[in-house]
C-alpha atoms as a PDB file:
ATOM      1  CA  MET A   1      13.298  27.018   7.596  1.00  0.00           C
ATOM      2  CA  PRO A   2      14.082  27.794   3.972  1.00  0.00           C
ATOM      3  CA  VAL A   3      14.035  24.904   1.501  1.00  0.00           C
ATOM      4  CA  ARG A   4      16.947  23.699  -0.215  1.00  0.00           C
ATOM      5  CA  LEU A   5      16.572  21.975  -3.706  1.00  0.00           C
ATOM      6  CA  ILE A   6      19.059  19.243  -4.457  1.00  0.00           C
ATOM      7  CA  ALA A   7      21.004  19.488  -7.591  1.00  0.00           C
ATOM      8  CA  ALA A   8      22.279  17.266  -9.386  1.00  0.00           C
ATOM      9  CA  ASN A   9      25.735  17.359  -8.083  1.00  0.00           C
ATOM     10  CA  ASP A  10      24.740  17.402  -4.507  1.00  0.00           C
ATOM     11  CA  TRP A  11      23.155  14.107  -5.195  1.00  0.00           C
ATOM     12  CA  ARG A  12      25.116  11.365  -2.666  1.00  0.00           C
ATOM     13  CA  PRO A  13      25.267   7.917  -3.961  1.00  0.00           C
ATOM     14  CA  SER A  14      23.274   5.347  -2.173  1.00  0.00           C
ATOM     15  CA  SER A  15      24.583   3.198   1.277  1.00  0.00           C
ATOM     16  CA  MET A  16      21.947   0.666   0.022  1.00  0.00           C
ATOM     17  CA  THR A  17      23.408  -2.684  -0.405  1.00  0.00           C
ATOM     18  CA  GLN A  18      21.938  -6.254  -1.471  1.00  0.00           C
ATOM     19  CA  CYS A  19      22.862  -6.999   2.181  1.00  0.00           C
ATOM     20  CA  ARG A  20      20.827  -4.539   3.588  1.00  0.00           C
ATOM     21  CA  LEU A  21      17.599  -5.236   1.804  1.00  0.00           C
ATOM     22  CA  LEU A  22      17.715  -8.319   3.145  1.00  0.00           C
ATOM     23  CA  GLU A  23      18.120  -7.072   6.445  1.00  0.00           C
ATOM     24  CA  LEU A  24      14.774  -4.828   5.680  1.00  0.00           C
ATOM     25  CA  GLU A  25      13.279  -8.155   4.501  1.00  0.00           C
ATOM     26  CA  ARG A  26      13.893 -10.165   7.586  1.00  0.00           C
ATOM     27  CA  GLU A  27      12.483  -7.336   9.735  1.00  0.00           C
ATOM     28  CA  GLY A  28       9.490  -7.292   7.717  1.00  0.00           C
ATOM     29  CA  LEU A  29       9.725  -3.821   6.241  1.00  0.00           C
ATOM     30  CA  LEU A  30      10.368  -5.105   2.620  1.00  0.00           C
ATOM     31  CA  ARG A  31       8.596  -7.821   1.170  1.00  0.00           C
ATOM     32  CA  HIS A  32      10.426 -11.125   0.535  1.00  0.00           C
ATOM     33  CA  ARG A  33      11.667 -12.165  -2.921  1.00  0.00           C
ATOM     34  CA  THR A  34       9.712 -14.305  -4.851  1.00  0.00           C
ATOM     35  CA  SER A  35      11.934 -14.567  -7.965  1.00  0.00           C
ATOM     36  CA  LEU A  36      15.260 -14.011  -8.309  1.00  0.00           C
ATOM     37  CA  SER A  37      14.972 -13.071 -11.958  1.00  0.00           C
ATOM     38  CA  SER A  38      12.615  -9.829 -11.176  1.00  0.00           C
ATOM     39  CA  PRO A  39      13.224  -9.463  -7.253  1.00  0.00           C
ATOM     40  CA  GLU A  40      11.014  -7.031  -5.280  1.00  0.00           C
ATOM     41  CA  SER A  41      13.760  -4.768  -4.146  1.00  0.00           C
ATOM     42  CA  ILE A  42      17.213  -3.652  -5.976  1.00  0.00           C
ATOM     43  CA  ALA A  43      19.709  -2.083  -4.787  1.00  0.00           C
ATOM     44  CA  PRO A  44      21.472   0.529  -6.748  1.00  0.00           C
ATOM     45  CA  ALA A  45      24.620   0.189  -8.680  1.00  0.00           C
ATOM     46  CA  ALA A  46      27.880   0.859  -6.913  1.00  0.00           C
ATOM     47  CA  ASP A  47      28.898   3.620  -9.239  1.00  0.00           C
ATOM     48  CA  HIS A  48      25.648   5.567  -9.829  1.00  0.00           C
ATOM     49  CA  ARG A  49      25.270   9.107  -8.853  1.00  0.00           C
ATOM     50  CA  GLU A  50      21.682   9.971  -8.956  1.00  0.00           C
ATOM     51  CA  PRO A  51      18.376   7.951  -8.866  1.00  0.00           C
ATOM     52  CA  ARG A  52      17.559   6.007 -12.433  1.00  0.00           C
ATOM     53  CA  PRO A  53      15.507   2.788 -11.107  1.00  0.00           C
ATOM     54  CA  PRO A  54      14.773   0.446 -14.133  1.00  0.00           C
ATOM     55  CA  LYS A  55      10.960   0.305 -15.664  1.00  0.00           C
ATOM     56  CA  GLY A  56       8.669  -0.764 -12.886  1.00  0.00           C
ATOM     57  CA  TYR A  57      10.475   0.078  -9.723  1.00  0.00           C
ATOM     58  CA  VAL A  58      10.216   3.248  -7.429  1.00  0.00           C
ATOM     59  CA  VAL A  59      13.144   4.975  -5.636  1.00  0.00           C
ATOM     60  CA  SER A  60      12.456   4.355  -1.940  1.00  0.00           C
ATOM     61  CA  PHE A  61      14.171   4.877   1.138  1.00  0.00           C
ATOM     62  CA  ALA A  62      15.012   2.694   3.645  1.00  0.00           C
ATOM     63  CA  LYS A  63      13.626   5.539   6.390  1.00  0.00           C
ATOM     64  CA  PHE A  64      10.340   5.405   4.714  1.00  0.00           C
ATOM     65  CA  HIS A  65      10.046   1.776   5.619  1.00  0.00           C
ATOM     66  CA  ARG A  66      10.988   1.947   9.197  1.00  0.00           C
ATOM     67  CA  HIS A  67       8.511   4.503   9.460  1.00  0.00           C
ATOM     68  CA  SER A  68       5.705   2.475   8.067  1.00  0.00           C
ATOM     69  CA  LEU A  69       5.425   4.280   4.677  1.00  0.00           C
ATOM     70  CA  GLY A  70       6.682   1.061   2.551  1.00  0.00           C
ATOM     71  CA  ALA A  71       6.040   0.139  -0.680  1.00  0.00           C
ATOM     72  CA  PRO A  72       3.990  -1.011  -2.617  1.00  0.00           C
ATOM     73  CA  PRO A  73       1.749   2.480  -2.273  1.00  0.00           C
ATOM     74  CA  SER A  74      -1.870   1.995  -2.708  1.00  0.00           C
ATOM     75  CA  ARG A  75      -3.807   2.523  -5.965  1.00  0.00           C
ATOM     76  CA  TYR A  76      -4.883   5.798  -4.490  1.00  0.00           C
ATOM     77  CA  MET A  77      -1.164   7.028  -3.785  1.00  0.00           C
ATOM     78  CA  ARG A  78      -0.021   5.336  -7.747  1.00  0.00           C
ATOM     79  CA  ALA A  79      -3.202   7.628  -9.144  1.00  0.00           C
ATOM     80  CA  LEU A  80      -1.678  10.666  -7.490  1.00  0.00           C
ATOM     81  CA  CYS A  81       1.748   9.732  -8.795  1.00  0.00           C
ATOM     82  CA  HIS A  82       0.252   9.409 -12.092  1.00  0.00           C
ATOM     83  CA  HIS A  83      -1.964  12.604 -12.153  1.00  0.00           C
ATOM     84  CA  TYR A  84       0.732  15.100 -10.882  1.00  0.00           C
ATOM     85  CA  GLY A  85       3.492  13.023 -13.356  1.00  0.00           C
ATOM     86  CA  VAL A  86       5.920  12.293 -10.577  1.00  0.00           C
ATOM     87  CA  GLU A  87       7.362   9.238  -8.370  1.00  0.00           C
ATOM     88  CA  LEU A  88       7.241   8.838  -4.682  1.00  0.00           C
ATOM     89  CA  GLN A  89      10.519  10.323  -3.890  1.00  0.00           C
ATOM     90  CA  HIS A  90       8.978  13.825  -5.218  1.00  0.00           C
ATOM     91  CA  PHE A  91       6.580  14.029  -2.244  1.00  0.00           C
ATOM     92  CA  SER A  92       7.656  16.167   0.410  1.00  0.00           C
ATOM     93  CA  PRO A  93       6.973  14.730   3.654  1.00  0.00           C
ATOM     94  CA  ASN A  94       3.947  16.965   4.166  1.00  0.00           C
ATOM     95  CA  ALA A  95       2.507  16.026   0.964  1.00  0.00           C
ATOM     96  CA  ILE A  96       2.592  12.493   2.378  1.00  0.00           C
ATOM     97  CA  THR A  97       0.661  13.204   5.524  1.00  0.00           C
ATOM     98  CA  VAL A  98      -1.727  15.173   3.612  1.00  0.00           C
ATOM     99  CA  ALA A  99      -2.649  12.300   1.358  1.00  0.00           C
ATOM    100  CA  ALA A 100      -2.473  10.085   4.179  1.00  0.00           C
ATOM    101  CA  VAL A 101      -4.899  12.039   6.259  1.00  0.00           C
ATOM    102  CA  PHE A 102      -7.118  12.270   2.997  1.00  0.00           C
ATOM    103  CA  ALA A 103      -7.298   8.614   2.489  1.00  0.00           C
ATOM    104  CA  ALA A 104      -8.544   8.213   6.199  1.00  0.00           C
ATOM    105  CA  VAL A 105     -11.350  10.617   6.435  1.00  0.00           C
ATOM    106  CA  CYS A 106     -12.648   8.967   3.108  1.00  0.00           C
ATOM    107  CA  GLU A 107     -12.028   5.105   4.519  1.00  0.00           C
ATOM    108  CA  GLY A 108     -12.646   5.890   8.235  1.00  0.00           C
ATOM    109  CA  TYR A 109     -15.178   8.684   8.422  1.00  0.00           C
ATOM    110  CA  LEU A 110     -16.808   8.787   4.853  1.00  0.00           C
ATOM    111  CA  GLY A 111     -16.709   4.799   4.223  1.00  0.00           C
ATOM    112  CA  MET A 112     -15.478   4.893   1.026  1.00  0.00           C
ATOM    113  CA  MET A 113     -12.014   4.330  -0.816  1.00  0.00           C
ATOM    114  CA  PRO A 114     -10.490   7.553  -1.788  1.00  0.00           C
ATOM    115  CA  HIS A 115     -11.850   9.373  -4.819  1.00  0.00           C
ATOM    116  CA  CYS A 116      -9.740  10.978  -7.538  1.00  0.00           C
ATOM    117  CA  GLU A 117     -12.677  13.673  -8.166  1.00  0.00           C
ATOM    118  CA  LEU A 118     -13.225  14.397  -4.361  1.00  0.00           C
ATOM    119  CA  TRP A 119      -9.259  15.024  -4.270  1.00  0.00           C
ATOM    120  CA  LEU A 120      -9.076  17.190  -7.185  1.00  0.00           C
ATOM    121  CA  HIS A 121     -11.950  19.353  -5.880  1.00  0.00           C
ATOM    122  CA  LEU A 122     -10.314  19.954  -2.698  1.00  0.00           C
ATOM    123  CA  TYR A 123      -6.547  19.856  -3.372  1.00  0.00           C
ATOM    124  CA  ARG A 124      -3.947  21.457  -5.860  1.00  0.00           C
ATOM    125  CA  GLY A 125      -0.489  20.437  -6.129  1.00  0.00           C
ATOM    126  CA  GLU A 126       2.625  22.631  -6.135  1.00  0.00           C
ATOM    127  CA  LEU A 127       5.524  21.049  -7.978  1.00  0.00           C
ATOM    128  CA  PHE A 128       9.050  22.570  -8.073  1.00  0.00           C
ATOM    129  CA  ASN A 129      10.847  21.773 -11.242  1.00  0.00           C
ATOM    130  CA  ALA A 130      14.118  22.487 -12.367  1.00  0.00           C
ATOM    131  CA  PRO A 131      15.151  23.413 -15.765  1.00  0.00           C
ATOM    132  CA  THR A 132      16.816  20.696 -18.495  1.00  0.00           C
ATOM    133  CA  GLY A 133      18.728  22.855 -20.433  1.00  0.00           C
ATOM    134  CA  THR A 134      16.270  22.807 -23.249  1.00  0.00           C
ATOM    135  CA  THR A 135      14.050  25.724 -23.971  1.00  0.00           C
ATOM    136  CA  GLY A 136      10.855  25.465 -22.174  1.00  0.00           C
ATOM    137  CA  VAL A 137      11.253  21.953 -21.037  1.00  0.00           C
ATOM    138  CA  ARG A 138      11.356  21.041 -16.960  1.00  0.00           C
ATOM    139  CA  LYS A 139      11.302  18.049 -15.020  1.00  0.00           C
ATOM    140  CA  PRO A 140      10.881  17.776 -11.375  1.00  0.00           C
ATOM    141  CA  VAL A 141      13.618  18.009  -8.644  1.00  0.00           C
ATOM    142  CA  ARG A 142      15.211  14.966  -7.614  1.00  0.00           C
ATOM    143  CA  ALA A 143      13.172  14.735  -4.091  1.00  0.00           C
ATOM    144  CA  GLY A 144      10.412  16.504  -2.260  1.00  0.00           C
ATOM    145  CA  CYS A 145       9.493  18.622  -4.913  1.00  0.00           C
ATOM    146  CA  LEU A 146       5.346  17.899  -4.538  1.00  0.00           C
ATOM    147  CA  ASN A 147       3.570  19.767  -2.008  1.00  0.00           C
ATOM    148  CA  LEU A 148       0.046  19.028  -1.527  1.00  0.00           C
ATOM    149  CA  VAL A 149      -2.235  21.938  -0.228  1.00  0.00           C
ATOM    150  CA  LEU A 150      -5.826  22.663   0.346  1.00  0.00           C
ATOM    151  CA  LYS A 151      -7.500  24.983  -2.344  1.00  0.00           C
ATOM    152  CA  THR A 152      -8.868  28.079  -0.828  1.00  0.00           C
ATOM    153  CA  GLY A 153     -11.136  30.888  -2.005  1.00  0.00           C
ATOM    154  CA  LYS A 154     -14.184  28.780  -2.989  1.00  0.00           C
ATOM    155  CA  THR A 155     -16.950  31.520  -3.451  1.00  0.00           C
ATOM    156  CA  GLU A 156     -19.415  29.192  -5.467  1.00  0.00           C
ATOM    157  CA  ARG A 157     -22.575  28.657  -3.935  1.00  0.00           C
ATOM    158  CA  PRO A 158     -25.154  25.706  -4.579  1.00  0.00           C
ATOM    159  CA  ARG A 159     -27.790  27.021  -6.705  1.00  0.00           C
ATOM    160  CA  GLU A 160     -31.431  26.876  -5.635  1.00  0.00           C
END
């Protein structure tokens, strides 16, 4: 199946409202508000054309929360976001699965927290970028642009 990247004019406004956020809280899919001045979750403005969360917030999709991919992500996921210079919405569905499997192997089989050096030794990220109109400057496409793949072709052997 061909991959279709979302262009700026293809992005549809969100249907999320404050009322729907409260429903997600009641269902236990979002954390309850602890402060009215800085709520855990905010709905986008009615006139928005693309996701532009305020500083300290990330874009998330209601379907993520309904399928147990809620926020806040672990330190490991935040480290991946930082390393690749992306936000959660930039991870492709397969990239989320790869990251989750790596964490499960580290925690369940190796008995350790996910380790960044081990991650970087085994995996690489493929980031699909979009031109910005400025020569040499590119930015991640709107959603699903980061794919995480296992590195292959390692020929180095341990020295004796």
